[in-house]
């Protein structure tokens, strides 16, 4: 008996059956994934588990930082930037040196009496670190003991002296900004500034300055504070310009008095 070839209606029926079986298979796979996937067990509003230090930092953040930086440090337009990714190093520098919280808007934030203790600054930093990651300071407070003074001096003169002056006493920049003096800077302050680049300062990551080179620079800067200028009168260590001016003025006065004395004798 001869079979007639399937017509258009038979082909359509087979296609619908194939599509239905495929849809049923996808539904079963999706249901199994929903039931057994670990990530689906958590609620959509779950927050990450914080360490004890970060939990303390979160309370401090929500007491005084949330107004400008927003909930979860996402930032507030026209008030404060997002802190996601800035890391604990930036927070410790800004809060530990009193630059944050800001008391008023200006060209840049300046060092002042800190609103929080150093421990509290580190707690806020830990909260921001666990929230969004970013640069971190190495442990400890002494970064200069194992530094190379000579190498640190070379690196400082090449990378830092153009803004902070050869004496590390700071200097003026454009648009009302300035490079601050390092007279009160701790080892962690200097390391954090190099690592995060506050204000106009460039960021010196580990690919620009290695951790050991950062320690060398810190050793040089801290040594400047105890150097007693054995070569003579340092004149505040503001560089050759005031020294040259002093020599010029003293020399001119000496020449004028000498000339008058010679004229009077003759």
C-alpha atoms as a PDB file:
ATOM      1  CA  UNK A   1       0.000   0.000   0.000  1.00  0.00           C
ATOM      2  CA  UNK A   2       1.458   3.388  -0.940  1.00  0.00           C
ATOM      3  CA  UNK A   3       1.682   6.215   1.713  1.00  0.00           C
ATOM      4  CA  UNK A   4       0.916   9.692   0.658  1.00  0.00           C
ATOM      5  CA  UNK A   5       3.580  12.295   1.515  1.00  0.00           C
ATOM      6  CA  UNK A   6       2.763  14.392   4.568  1.00  0.00           C
ATOM      7  CA  UNK A   7       1.042  17.612   3.765  1.00  0.00           C
ATOM      8  CA  UNK A   8       1.513  21.061   5.223  1.00  0.00           C
ATOM      9  CA  UNK A   9      -0.831  20.226   8.112  1.00  0.00           C
ATOM     10  CA  UNK A  10       1.343  17.258   9.247  1.00  0.00           C
ATOM     11  CA  UNK A  11       4.522  19.288   9.147  1.00  0.00           C
ATOM     12  CA  UNK A  12       2.944  22.059  11.216  1.00  0.00           C
ATOM     13  CA  UNK A  13       1.734  19.507  13.794  1.00  0.00           C
ATOM     14  CA  UNK A  14       5.276  18.093  14.156  1.00  0.00           C
ATOM     15  CA  UNK A  15       6.796  21.525  14.561  1.00  0.00           C
ATOM     16  CA  UNK A  16       4.307  22.478  17.262  1.00  0.00           C
ATOM     17  CA  UNK A  17       5.023  19.209  19.095  1.00  0.00           C
ATOM     18  CA  UNK A  18       8.794  19.814  18.960  1.00  0.00           C
ATOM     19  CA  UNK A  19       8.394  23.387  20.269  1.00  0.00           C
ATOM     20  CA  UNK A  20       6.154  22.178  23.113  1.00  0.00           C
ATOM     21  CA  UNK A  21       8.649  19.519  24.181  1.00  0.00           C
ATOM     22  CA  UNK A  22      11.520  22.082  24.087  1.00  0.00           C
ATOM     23  CA  UNK A  23       9.507  24.571  26.163  1.00  0.00           C
ATOM     24  CA  UNK A  24       8.678  21.867  28.720  1.00  0.00           C
ATOM     25  CA  UNK A  25      12.343  20.868  28.999  1.00  0.00           C
ATOM     26  CA  UNK A  26      13.443  24.486  29.545  1.00  0.00           C
ATOM     27  CA  UNK A  27      10.731  24.943  32.199  1.00  0.00           C
ATOM     28  CA  UNK A  28      11.907  21.854  34.093  1.00  0.00           C
ATOM     29  CA  UNK A  29      15.590  22.922  33.951  1.00  0.00           C
ATOM     30  CA  UNK A  30      14.738  26.435  35.125  1.00  0.00           C
ATOM     31  CA  UNK A  31      12.682  25.096  38.014  1.00  0.00           C
ATOM     32  CA  UNK A  32      15.463  22.778  39.136  1.00  0.00           C
ATOM     33  CA  UNK A  33      18.000  25.641  39.001  1.00  0.00           C
ATOM     34  CA  UNK A  34      15.730  27.872  41.067  1.00  0.00           C
ATOM     35  CA  UNK A  35      15.327  25.207  43.745  1.00  0.00           C
ATOM     36  CA  UNK A  36      18.914  24.033  44.041  1.00  0.00           C
ATOM     37  CA  UNK A  37      20.998  27.150  43.209  1.00  0.00           C
ATOM     38  CA  UNK A  38      22.682  28.490  46.404  1.00  0.00           C
ATOM     39  CA  UNK A  39      22.529  32.081  45.263  1.00  0.00           C
ATOM     40  CA  UNK A  40      18.757  31.986  45.001  1.00  0.00           C
ATOM     41  CA  UNK A  41      18.305  31.161  48.667  1.00  0.00           C
ATOM     42  CA  UNK A  42      19.268  34.675  49.806  1.00  0.00           C
ATOM     43  CA  UNK A  43      16.829  37.530  49.757  1.00  0.00           C
ATOM     44  CA  UNK A  44      17.272  40.415  47.369  1.00  0.00           C
ATOM     45  CA  UNK A  45      17.819  42.893  50.219  1.00  0.00           C
ATOM     46  CA  UNK A  46      20.544  40.919  52.015  1.00  0.00           C
ATOM     47  CA  UNK A  47      23.639  42.962  52.931  1.00  0.00           C
ATOM     48  CA  UNK A  48      27.200  41.609  53.075  1.00  0.00           C
ATOM     49  CA  UNK A  49      28.429  40.388  56.442  1.00  0.00           C
ATOM     50  CA  UNK A  50      30.864  42.951  57.895  1.00  0.00           C
ATOM     51  CA  UNK A  51      33.755  42.400  60.249  1.00  0.00           C
ATOM     52  CA  UNK A  52      33.569  43.893  63.746  1.00  0.00           C
ATOM     53  CA  UNK A  53      35.774  46.858  62.784  1.00  0.00           C
ATOM     54  CA  UNK A  54      33.760  47.520  59.623  1.00  0.00           C
ATOM     55  CA  UNK A  55      30.492  47.347  61.571  1.00  0.00           C
ATOM     56  CA  UNK A  56      31.806  50.022  63.939  1.00  0.00           C
ATOM     57  CA  UNK A  57      32.916  52.037  60.931  1.00  0.00           C
ATOM     58  CA  UNK A  58      29.475  51.760  59.354  1.00  0.00           C
ATOM     59  CA  UNK A  59      27.897  53.336  62.438  1.00  0.00           C
ATOM     60  CA  UNK A  60      30.403  56.207  62.328  1.00  0.00           C
ATOM     61  CA  UNK A  61      29.865  56.615  58.583  1.00  0.00           C
ATOM     62  CA  UNK A  62      26.108  56.825  58.948  1.00  0.00           C
ATOM     63  CA  UNK A  63      26.496  59.386  61.754  1.00  0.00           C
ATOM     64  CA  UNK A  64      28.465  61.985  59.787  1.00  0.00           C
ATOM     65  CA  UNK A  65      29.422  60.860  56.268  1.00  0.00           C
ATOM     66  CA  UNK A  66      26.161  59.629  54.791  1.00  0.00           C
ATOM     67  CA  UNK A  67      24.860  63.166  54.173  1.00  0.00           C
ATOM     68  CA  UNK A  68      27.473  63.838  51.494  1.00  0.00           C
ATOM     69  CA  UNK A  69      28.522  60.358  50.401  1.00  0.00           C
ATOM     70  CA  UNK A  70      25.126  58.680  50.476  1.00  0.00           C
ATOM     71  CA  UNK A  71      23.854  55.356  51.706  1.00  0.00           C
ATOM     72  CA  UNK A  72      26.318  52.555  51.006  1.00  0.00           C
ATOM     73  CA  UNK A  73      28.851  55.247  50.008  1.00  0.00           C
ATOM     74  CA  UNK A  74      27.347  55.565  46.521  1.00  0.00           C
ATOM     75  CA  UNK A  75      27.792  59.351  46.517  1.00  0.00           C
ATOM     76  CA  UNK A  76      25.352  62.267  46.418  1.00  0.00           C
ATOM     77  CA  UNK A  77      25.225  64.574  43.355  1.00  0.00           C
ATOM     78  CA  UNK A  78      26.682  68.049  44.047  1.00  0.00           C
ATOM     79  CA  UNK A  79      27.610  67.009  47.605  1.00  0.00           C
ATOM     80  CA  UNK A  80      30.152  64.223  47.675  1.00  0.00           C
ATOM     81  CA  UNK A  81      31.627  61.569  45.384  1.00  0.00           C
ATOM     82  CA  UNK A  82      31.150  57.833  45.566  1.00  0.00           C
ATOM     83  CA  UNK A  83      33.636  56.059  47.822  1.00  0.00           C
ATOM     84  CA  UNK A  84      33.306  52.707  46.091  1.00  0.00           C
ATOM     85  CA  UNK A  85      36.808  51.610  45.170  1.00  0.00           C
ATOM     86  CA  UNK A  86      38.744  54.358  46.995  1.00  0.00           C
ATOM     87  CA  UNK A  87      39.964  51.886  49.624  1.00  0.00           C
ATOM     88  CA  UNK A  88      40.806  52.199  53.295  1.00  0.00           C
ATOM     89  CA  UNK A  89      44.086  54.053  52.598  1.00  0.00           C
ATOM     90  CA  UNK A  90      42.284  57.115  51.216  1.00  0.00           C
ATOM     91  CA  UNK A  91      39.752  57.142  54.063  1.00  0.00           C
ATOM     92  CA  UNK A  92      42.420  56.868  56.751  1.00  0.00           C
ATOM     93  CA  UNK A  93      44.396  59.712  55.172  1.00  0.00           C
ATOM     94  CA  UNK A  94      41.428  62.055  54.753  1.00  0.00           C
ATOM     95  CA  UNK A  95      39.735  61.343  58.096  1.00  0.00           C
ATOM     96  CA  UNK A  96      42.898  60.738  60.139  1.00  0.00           C
ATOM     97  CA  UNK A  97      44.399  64.104  59.136  1.00  0.00           C
ATOM     98  CA  UNK A  98      41.176  66.005  59.762  1.00  0.00           C
ATOM     99  CA  UNK A  99      40.612  66.848  56.109  1.00  0.00           C
ATOM    100  CA  UNK A 100      37.270  65.059  56.318  1.00  0.00           C
ATOM    101  CA  UNK A 101      34.565  65.760  57.301  1.00  0.00           C
ATOM    102  CA  UNK A 102      34.761  69.071  55.430  1.00  0.00           C
ATOM    103  CA  UNK A 103      33.895  72.176  57.425  1.00  0.00           C
ATOM    104  CA  UNK A 104      33.488  74.352  54.306  1.00  0.00           C
ATOM    105  CA  UNK A 105      33.876  74.173  50.558  1.00  0.00           C
ATOM    106  CA  UNK A 106      37.163  75.475  49.220  1.00  0.00           C
ATOM    107  CA  UNK A 107      39.873  74.937  46.654  1.00  0.00           C
ATOM    108  CA  UNK A 108      41.055  71.917  48.631  1.00  0.00           C
ATOM    109  CA  UNK A 109      40.726  70.335  52.046  1.00  0.00           C
ATOM    110  CA  UNK A 110      43.526  71.165  54.483  1.00  0.00           C
ATOM    111  CA  UNK A 111      44.936  69.423  57.531  1.00  0.00           C
ATOM    112  CA  UNK A 112      43.234  70.295  60.794  1.00  0.00           C
ATOM    113  CA  UNK A 113      42.437  68.761  64.164  1.00  0.00           C
ATOM    114  CA  UNK A 114      40.792  65.379  63.407  1.00  0.00           C
ATOM    115  CA  UNK A 115      37.147  64.931  64.243  1.00  0.00           C
ATOM    116  CA  UNK A 116      37.699  61.224  64.853  1.00  0.00           C
ATOM    117  CA  UNK A 117      40.480  59.304  66.543  1.00  0.00           C
ATOM    118  CA  UNK A 118      42.912  57.296  64.428  1.00  0.00           C
ATOM    119  CA  UNK A 119      41.219  54.052  65.471  1.00  0.00           C
ATOM    120  CA  UNK A 120      37.855  55.419  64.388  1.00  0.00           C
ATOM    121  CA  UNK A 121      39.321  56.604  61.075  1.00  0.00           C
ATOM    122  CA  UNK A 122      40.622  53.094  60.462  1.00  0.00           C
ATOM    123  CA  UNK A 123      37.223  51.621  61.305  1.00  0.00           C
ATOM    124  CA  UNK A 124      35.524  53.853  58.743  1.00  0.00           C
ATOM    125  CA  UNK A 125      38.245  52.900  56.287  1.00  0.00           C
ATOM    126  CA  UNK A 126      37.628  49.207  56.924  1.00  0.00           C
ATOM    127  CA  UNK A 127      33.925  49.686  56.230  1.00  0.00           C
ATOM    128  CA  UNK A 128      34.657  51.374  52.897  1.00  0.00           C
ATOM    129  CA  UNK A 129      37.226  48.691  52.106  1.00  0.00           C
ATOM    130  CA  UNK A 130      34.770  45.849  52.660  1.00  0.00           C
ATOM    131  CA  UNK A 131      32.063  47.749  50.815  1.00  0.00           C
ATOM    132  CA  UNK A 132      33.957  48.426  47.585  1.00  0.00           C
ATOM    133  CA  UNK A 133      37.635  47.499  47.864  1.00  0.00           C
ATOM    134  CA  UNK A 134      40.578  49.656  46.818  1.00  0.00           C
ATOM    135  CA  UNK A 135      44.149  50.519  47.938  1.00  0.00           C
ATOM    136  CA  UNK A 136      45.153  49.464  51.455  1.00  0.00           C
ATOM    137  CA  UNK A 137      48.080  50.446  53.644  1.00  0.00           C
ATOM    138  CA  UNK A 138      50.481  47.767  54.824  1.00  0.00           C
ATOM    139  CA  UNK A 139      50.277  46.880  58.534  1.00  0.00           C
ATOM    140  CA  UNK A 140      52.342  48.774  61.083  1.00  0.00           C
ATOM    141  CA  UNK A 141      53.216  52.395  61.803  1.00  0.00           C
ATOM    142  CA  UNK A 142      56.976  52.416  61.103  1.00  0.00           C
ATOM    143  CA  UNK A 143      57.779  52.577  57.399  1.00  0.00           C
ATOM    144  CA  UNK A 144      61.037  54.549  57.571  1.00  0.00           C
ATOM    145  CA  UNK A 145      63.425  52.466  59.688  1.00  0.00           C
ATOM    146  CA  UNK A 146      64.328  50.086  56.866  1.00  0.00           C
ATOM    147  CA  UNK A 147      64.393  52.831  54.198  1.00  0.00           C
ATOM    148  CA  UNK A 148      67.464  53.918  52.217  1.00  0.00           C
ATOM    149  CA  UNK A 149      68.066  57.628  52.878  1.00  0.00           C
ATOM    150  CA  UNK A 150      70.247  58.253  49.836  1.00  0.00           C
ATOM    151  CA  UNK A 151      67.875  56.505  47.465  1.00  0.00           C
ATOM    152  CA  UNK A 152      64.909  58.205  49.113  1.00  0.00           C
ATOM    153  CA  UNK A 153      66.521  61.599  48.560  1.00  0.00           C
ATOM    154  CA  UNK A 154      66.961  60.885  44.859  1.00  0.00           C
ATOM    155  CA  UNK A 155      63.381  59.716  44.474  1.00  0.00           C
ATOM    156  CA  UNK A 156      62.029  62.682  46.448  1.00  0.00           C
ATOM    157  CA  UNK A 157      63.910  65.211  44.324  1.00  0.00           C
ATOM    158  CA  UNK A 158      62.669  63.599  41.113  1.00  0.00           C
ATOM    159  CA  UNK A 159      59.032  62.962  42.073  1.00  0.00           C
ATOM    160  CA  UNK A 160      58.090  65.241  44.970  1.00  0.00           C
ATOM    161  CA  UNK A 161      60.271  68.358  45.256  1.00  0.00           C
ATOM    162  CA  UNK A 162      58.629  70.220  42.355  1.00  0.00           C
ATOM    163  CA  UNK A 163      55.485  70.625  44.490  1.00  0.00           C
ATOM    164  CA  UNK A 164      56.580  70.058  48.091  1.00  0.00           C
ATOM    165  CA  UNK A 165      59.953  71.890  47.695  1.00  0.00           C
ATOM    166  CA  UNK A 166      63.333  70.356  48.431  1.00  0.00           C
ATOM    167  CA  UNK A 167      62.739  70.935  52.135  1.00  0.00           C
ATOM    168  CA  UNK A 168      59.324  69.166  52.151  1.00  0.00           C
ATOM    169  CA  UNK A 169      57.840  72.402  53.522  1.00  0.00           C
ATOM    170  CA  UNK A 170      55.262  72.621  50.743  1.00  0.00           C
ATOM    171  CA  UNK A 171      54.590  75.150  48.036  1.00  0.00           C
ATOM    172  CA  UNK A 172      51.893  76.989  46.114  1.00  0.00           C
ATOM    173  CA  UNK A 173      50.061  75.446  43.167  1.00  0.00           C
ATOM    174  CA  UNK A 174      47.550  76.844  40.681  1.00  0.00           C
ATOM    175  CA  UNK A 175      43.883  77.717  41.293  1.00  0.00           C
ATOM    176  CA  UNK A 176      44.377  78.531  44.973  1.00  0.00           C
ATOM    177  CA  UNK A 177      45.703  75.090  45.839  1.00  0.00           C
ATOM    178  CA  UNK A 178      48.955  74.164  47.526  1.00  0.00           C
ATOM    179  CA  UNK A 179      51.176  71.200  48.256  1.00  0.00           C
ATOM    180  CA  UNK A 180      51.135  70.895  52.063  1.00  0.00           C
ATOM    181  CA  UNK A 181      54.115  70.773  54.358  1.00  0.00           C
ATOM    182  CA  UNK A 182      55.134  67.343  55.613  1.00  0.00           C
ATOM    183  CA  UNK A 183      56.219  68.618  59.026  1.00  0.00           C
ATOM    184  CA  UNK A 184      53.349  66.851  60.815  1.00  0.00           C
ATOM    185  CA  UNK A 185      52.969  63.894  58.458  1.00  0.00           C
ATOM    186  CA  UNK A 186      53.349  60.404  59.896  1.00  0.00           C
ATOM    187  CA  UNK A 187      54.736  57.423  58.010  1.00  0.00           C
ATOM    188  CA  UNK A 188      51.211  56.203  57.273  1.00  0.00           C
ATOM    189  CA  UNK A 189      50.121  59.689  56.112  1.00  0.00           C
ATOM    190  CA  UNK A 190      52.932  59.869  53.559  1.00  0.00           C
ATOM    191  CA  UNK A 191      52.461  56.299  52.348  1.00  0.00           C
ATOM    192  CA  UNK A 192      48.687  56.803  51.982  1.00  0.00           C
ATOM    193  CA  UNK A 193      49.179  60.070  50.081  1.00  0.00           C
ATOM    194  CA  UNK A 194      51.519  58.387  47.598  1.00  0.00           C
ATOM    195  CA  UNK A 195      49.168  55.437  47.236  1.00  0.00           C
ATOM    196  CA  UNK A 196      45.930  57.413  46.723  1.00  0.00           C
ATOM    197  CA  UNK A 197      46.931  60.828  45.326  1.00  0.00           C
ATOM    198  CA  UNK A 198      44.783  63.279  47.320  1.00  0.00           C
ATOM    199  CA  UNK A 199      43.797  66.610  45.740  1.00  0.00           C
ATOM    200  CA  UNK A 200      46.252  67.533  42.933  1.00  0.00           C
ATOM    201  CA  UNK A 201      48.809  64.911  43.894  1.00  0.00           C
ATOM    202  CA  UNK A 202      49.360  62.122  41.346  1.00  0.00           C
ATOM    203  CA  UNK A 203      48.865  58.507  42.339  1.00  0.00           C
ATOM    204  CA  UNK A 204      52.110  56.582  42.793  1.00  0.00           C
ATOM    205  CA  UNK A 205      50.977  52.989  42.528  1.00  0.00           C
ATOM    206  CA  UNK A 206      53.313  50.086  43.051  1.00  0.00           C
ATOM    207  CA  UNK A 207      54.127  50.103  39.345  1.00  0.00           C
ATOM    208  CA  UNK A 208      55.399  53.708  39.596  1.00  0.00           C
ATOM    209  CA  UNK A 209      57.073  53.468  43.015  1.00  0.00           C
ATOM    210  CA  UNK A 210      57.587  50.065  44.583  1.00  0.00           C
ATOM    211  CA  UNK A 211      56.683  49.582  48.263  1.00  0.00           C
ATOM    212  CA  UNK A 212      60.393  49.717  49.138  1.00  0.00           C
ATOM    213  CA  UNK A 213      60.868  52.954  47.190  1.00  0.00           C
ATOM    214  CA  UNK A 214      57.942  54.460  49.083  1.00  0.00           C
ATOM    215  CA  UNK A 215      59.677  53.480  52.323  1.00  0.00           C
ATOM    216  CA  UNK A 216      62.905  55.081  51.065  1.00  0.00           C
ATOM    217  CA  UNK A 217      61.093  58.377  50.411  1.00  0.00           C
ATOM    218  CA  UNK A 218      59.451  58.245  53.847  1.00  0.00           C
ATOM    219  CA  UNK A 219      62.842  57.648  55.461  1.00  0.00           C
ATOM    220  CA  UNK A 220      64.251  60.716  53.687  1.00  0.00           C
ATOM    221  CA  UNK A 221      61.313  62.951  54.628  1.00  0.00           C
ATOM    222  CA  UNK A 222      61.383  61.897  58.269  1.00  0.00           C
ATOM    223  CA  UNK A 223      65.138  62.435  58.378  1.00  0.00           C
ATOM    224  CA  UNK A 224      64.664  66.025  57.221  1.00  0.00           C
ATOM    225  CA  UNK A 225      62.769  66.726  60.436  1.00  0.00           C
ATOM    226  CA  UNK A 226      65.745  65.814  62.622  1.00  0.00           C
ATOM    227  CA  UNK A 227      68.547  67.144  60.404  1.00  0.00           C
ATOM    228  CA  UNK A 228      70.284  70.014  62.260  1.00  0.00           C
ATOM    229  CA  UNK A 229      71.714  71.719  59.155  1.00  0.00           C
ATOM    230  CA  UNK A 230      75.385  70.998  59.874  1.00  0.00           C
ATOM    231  CA  UNK A 231      76.366  72.999  56.795  1.00  0.00           C
ATOM    232  CA  UNK A 232      75.234  76.358  58.230  1.00  0.00           C
ATOM    233  CA  UNK A 233      72.154  78.535  58.572  1.00  0.00           C
ATOM    234  CA  UNK A 234      69.238  76.730  56.915  1.00  0.00           C
ATOM    235  CA  UNK A 235      66.921  79.777  56.737  1.00  0.00           C
ATOM    236  CA  UNK A 236      63.804  77.677  57.155  1.00  0.00           C
ATOM    237  CA  UNK A 237      64.862  75.280  54.393  1.00  0.00           C
ATOM    238  CA  UNK A 238      62.909  77.140  51.756  1.00  0.00           C
ATOM    239  CA  UNK A 239      65.521  76.576  49.099  1.00  0.00           C
ATOM    240  CA  UNK A 240      68.087  78.708  47.259  1.00  0.00           C
ATOM    241  CA  UNK A 241      65.879  81.735  46.540  1.00  0.00           C
ATOM    242  CA  UNK A 242      65.661  83.176  50.103  1.00  0.00           C
ATOM    243  CA  UNK A 243      69.275  82.213  50.697  1.00  0.00           C
ATOM    244  CA  UNK A 244      70.366  84.090  47.584  1.00  0.00           C
ATOM    245  CA  UNK A 245      68.208  87.088  48.546  1.00  0.00           C
ATOM    246  CA  UNK A 246      69.724  87.193  52.027  1.00  0.00           C
ATOM    247  CA  UNK A 247      73.242  87.011  50.642  1.00  0.00           C
ATOM    248  CA  UNK A 248      72.434  89.796  48.155  1.00  0.00           C
ATOM    249  CA  UNK A 249      70.935  92.124  50.774  1.00  0.00           C
ATOM    250  CA  UNK A 250      73.672  91.507  53.342  1.00  0.00           C
ATOM    251  CA  UNK A 251      76.329  91.911  50.656  1.00  0.00           C
ATOM    252  CA  UNK A 252      74.877  95.177  49.335  1.00  0.00           C
ATOM    253  CA  UNK A 253      74.626  96.643  52.844  1.00  0.00           C
ATOM    254  CA  UNK A 254      78.178  95.587  53.589  1.00  0.00           C
ATOM    255  CA  UNK A 255      79.447  97.151  50.340  1.00  0.00           C
ATOM    256  CA  UNK A 256      77.568 100.440  50.993  1.00  0.00           C
ATOM    257  CA  UNK A 257      78.955 100.799  54.534  1.00  0.00           C
ATOM    258  CA  UNK A 258      82.441  99.885  53.349  1.00  0.00           C
ATOM    259  CA  UNK A 259      82.224 102.515  50.593  1.00  0.00           C
ATOM    260  CA  UNK A 260      81.045 105.193  53.046  1.00  0.00           C
ATOM    261  CA  UNK A 261      83.823 104.276  55.499  1.00  0.00           C
ATOM    262  CA  UNK A 262      86.471 104.522  52.785  1.00  0.00           C
ATOM    263  CA  UNK A 263      85.052 107.847  51.572  1.00  0.00           C
ATOM    264  CA  UNK A 264      85.029 109.234  55.107  1.00  0.00           C
ATOM    265  CA  UNK A 265      88.668 108.240  55.667  1.00  0.00           C
ATOM    266  CA  UNK A 266      89.787 109.897  52.452  1.00  0.00           C
END
